[in-house]
């Protein structure tokens, strides 16, 4: 049981680390996007007025969320989706 728990734990962190890595890579090759993320962070930090950030404050990072979503689109965590049709499907007619 301990090994299975470790396996799930490592797989969960592996997908997060992979996404963060790809996100940082995308920002590194796009200075314009990187600049927008930094500018957005300055605004968010000013809005905090010196207090600790909470979970509710994360919605202020709208551009960063778009960067993360685009990273997920380009580098999906689970790129394979297996589905089985129960009947034939025809398109275009």
C-alpha atoms as a PDB file:
ATOM      1  CA  UNK A   1       0.000   0.000   0.000  1.00  0.00           C
ATOM      2  CA  UNK A   2       2.844   2.420   0.818  1.00  0.00           C
ATOM      3  CA  UNK A   3       4.402   1.920  -2.622  1.00  0.00           C
ATOM      4  CA  UNK A   4       1.081   2.537  -4.368  1.00  0.00           C
ATOM      5  CA  UNK A   5       0.598   5.744  -2.384  1.00  0.00           C
ATOM      6  CA  UNK A   6       4.085   6.895  -3.353  1.00  0.00           C
ATOM      7  CA  UNK A   7       3.385   6.088  -7.002  1.00  0.00           C
ATOM      8  CA  UNK A   8       0.253   8.250  -7.044  1.00  0.00           C
ATOM      9  CA  UNK A   9       2.044  10.974  -5.136  1.00  0.00           C
ATOM     10  CA  UNK A  10       4.965  11.055  -7.575  1.00  0.00           C
ATOM     11  CA  UNK A  11       2.702  10.949 -10.625  1.00  0.00           C
ATOM     12  CA  UNK A  12       0.698  13.878  -9.304  1.00  0.00           C
ATOM     13  CA  UNK A  13       3.787  15.998  -8.744  1.00  0.00           C
ATOM     14  CA  UNK A  14       5.297  14.921 -12.054  1.00  0.00           C
ATOM     15  CA  UNK A  15       2.385  16.357 -14.046  1.00  0.00           C
ATOM     16  CA  UNK A  16       2.475  19.637 -12.111  1.00  0.00           C
ATOM     17  CA  UNK A  17       6.248  19.943 -12.475  1.00  0.00           C
ATOM     18  CA  UNK A  18       5.989  19.159 -16.190  1.00  0.00           C
ATOM     19  CA  UNK A  19       3.324  21.815 -16.709  1.00  0.00           C
ATOM     20  CA  UNK A  20       5.338  24.411 -14.771  1.00  0.00           C
ATOM     21  CA  UNK A  21       8.427  23.553 -16.808  1.00  0.00           C
ATOM     22  CA  UNK A  22       6.622  23.894 -20.130  1.00  0.00           C
ATOM     23  CA  UNK A  23       4.995  27.124 -18.934  1.00  0.00           C
ATOM     24  CA  UNK A  24       8.372  28.599 -18.005  1.00  0.00           C
ATOM     25  CA  UNK A  25       9.782  27.492 -21.354  1.00  0.00           C
ATOM     26  CA  UNK A  26       6.929  29.186 -23.212  1.00  0.00           C
ATOM     27  CA  UNK A  27       7.500  32.392 -21.239  1.00  0.00           C
ATOM     28  CA  UNK A  28      11.247  32.196 -21.882  1.00  0.00           C
ATOM     29  CA  UNK A  29      10.771  32.087 -25.655  1.00  0.00           C
ATOM     30  CA  UNK A  30       8.146  34.847 -25.602  1.00  0.00           C
ATOM     31  CA  UNK A  31       9.560  37.991 -23.973  1.00  0.00           C
ATOM     32  CA  UNK A  32       6.358  39.891 -24.752  1.00  0.00           C
ATOM     33  CA  UNK A  33       4.227  37.384 -22.805  1.00  0.00           C
ATOM     34  CA  UNK A  34       6.807  37.335 -20.012  1.00  0.00           C
ATOM     35  CA  UNK A  35       6.623  41.117 -19.743  1.00  0.00           C
ATOM     36  CA  UNK A  36       2.813  41.001 -19.509  1.00  0.00           C
ATOM     37  CA  UNK A  37       2.987  38.418 -16.712  1.00  0.00           C
ATOM     38  CA  UNK A  38       5.477  40.585 -14.781  1.00  0.00           C
ATOM     39  CA  UNK A  39       3.310  43.689 -15.271  1.00  0.00           C
ATOM     40  CA  UNK A  40       0.237  41.788 -14.105  1.00  0.00           C
ATOM     41  CA  UNK A  41       2.113  40.609 -11.014  1.00  0.00           C
ATOM     42  CA  UNK A  42       3.112  44.194 -10.144  1.00  0.00           C
ATOM     43  CA  UNK A  43      -0.544  45.242 -10.287  1.00  0.00           C
ATOM     44  CA  UNK A  44      -1.663  42.294  -8.153  1.00  0.00           C
ATOM     45  CA  UNK A  45       1.062  42.966  -5.577  1.00  0.00           C
ATOM     46  CA  UNK A  46       0.002  46.641  -5.392  1.00  0.00           C
ATOM     47  CA  UNK A  47      -3.610  45.568  -4.856  1.00  0.00           C
ATOM     48  CA  UNK A  48      -2.549  43.386  -1.920  1.00  0.00           C
ATOM     49  CA  UNK A  49      -1.201  46.484  -0.134  1.00  0.00           C
ATOM     50  CA  UNK A  50       1.362  44.488   1.837  1.00  0.00           C
ATOM     51  CA  UNK A  51      -0.952  41.729   3.098  1.00  0.00           C
ATOM     52  CA  UNK A  52      -0.467  38.015   2.503  1.00  0.00           C
ATOM     53  CA  UNK A  53      -1.938  36.629  -0.715  1.00  0.00           C
ATOM     54  CA  UNK A  54      -4.929  34.309  -0.311  1.00  0.00           C
ATOM     55  CA  UNK A  55      -6.507  31.773  -2.635  1.00  0.00           C
ATOM     56  CA  UNK A  56      -9.219  34.307  -3.514  1.00  0.00           C
ATOM     57  CA  UNK A  57      -6.563  36.710  -4.807  1.00  0.00           C
ATOM     58  CA  UNK A  58      -5.482  34.304  -7.558  1.00  0.00           C
ATOM     59  CA  UNK A  59      -8.387  35.324  -9.835  1.00  0.00           C
ATOM     60  CA  UNK A  60      -6.517  38.587 -10.444  1.00  0.00           C
ATOM     61  CA  UNK A  61      -3.937  36.716 -12.542  1.00  0.00           C
ATOM     62  CA  UNK A  62      -6.073  36.617 -15.686  1.00  0.00           C
ATOM     63  CA  UNK A  63      -3.243  36.800 -18.230  1.00  0.00           C
ATOM     64  CA  UNK A  64      -1.166  34.211 -16.380  1.00  0.00           C
ATOM     65  CA  UNK A  65      -4.189  31.910 -16.430  1.00  0.00           C
ATOM     66  CA  UNK A  66      -4.341  32.304 -20.214  1.00  0.00           C
ATOM     67  CA  UNK A  67      -0.632  31.444 -20.456  1.00  0.00           C
ATOM     68  CA  UNK A  68      -1.195  28.303 -18.376  1.00  0.00           C
ATOM     69  CA  UNK A  69      -4.238  27.302 -20.452  1.00  0.00           C
ATOM     70  CA  UNK A  70      -2.273  27.755 -23.692  1.00  0.00           C
ATOM     71  CA  UNK A  71       0.544  25.669 -22.212  1.00  0.00           C
ATOM     72  CA  UNK A  72      -1.985  22.923 -21.420  1.00  0.00           C
ATOM     73  CA  UNK A  73      -3.273  23.118 -24.997  1.00  0.00           C
ATOM     74  CA  UNK A  74       0.203  22.789 -26.505  1.00  0.00           C
ATOM     75  CA  UNK A  75       1.564  20.286 -23.960  1.00  0.00           C
ATOM     76  CA  UNK A  76      -1.390  18.341 -22.522  1.00  0.00           C
ATOM     77  CA  UNK A  77      -0.831  16.395 -19.314  1.00  0.00           C
ATOM     78  CA  UNK A  78      -2.765  13.404 -20.651  1.00  0.00           C
ATOM     79  CA  UNK A  79      -2.533  13.631 -24.450  1.00  0.00           C
ATOM     80  CA  UNK A  80      -4.382  10.390 -25.083  1.00  0.00           C
ATOM     81  CA  UNK A  81      -8.121  10.108 -24.652  1.00  0.00           C
ATOM     82  CA  UNK A  82      -9.536   6.663 -25.260  1.00  0.00           C
ATOM     83  CA  UNK A  83     -13.195   6.490 -26.158  1.00  0.00           C
ATOM     84  CA  UNK A  84     -15.174   3.802 -27.852  1.00  0.00           C
ATOM     85  CA  UNK A  85     -18.208   4.578 -29.996  1.00  0.00           C
ATOM     86  CA  UNK A  86     -21.219   2.368 -29.456  1.00  0.00           C
ATOM     87  CA  UNK A  87     -22.404   2.932 -33.043  1.00  0.00           C
ATOM     88  CA  UNK A  88     -21.038   4.234 -36.344  1.00  0.00           C
ATOM     89  CA  UNK A  89     -21.004   8.002 -36.773  1.00  0.00           C
ATOM     90  CA  UNK A  90     -21.076   9.781 -40.131  1.00  0.00           C
ATOM     91  CA  UNK A  91     -20.155  13.421 -40.749  1.00  0.00           C
ATOM     92  CA  UNK A  92     -20.920  15.694 -43.673  1.00  0.00           C
ATOM     93  CA  UNK A  93     -24.013  14.037 -45.124  1.00  0.00           C
END
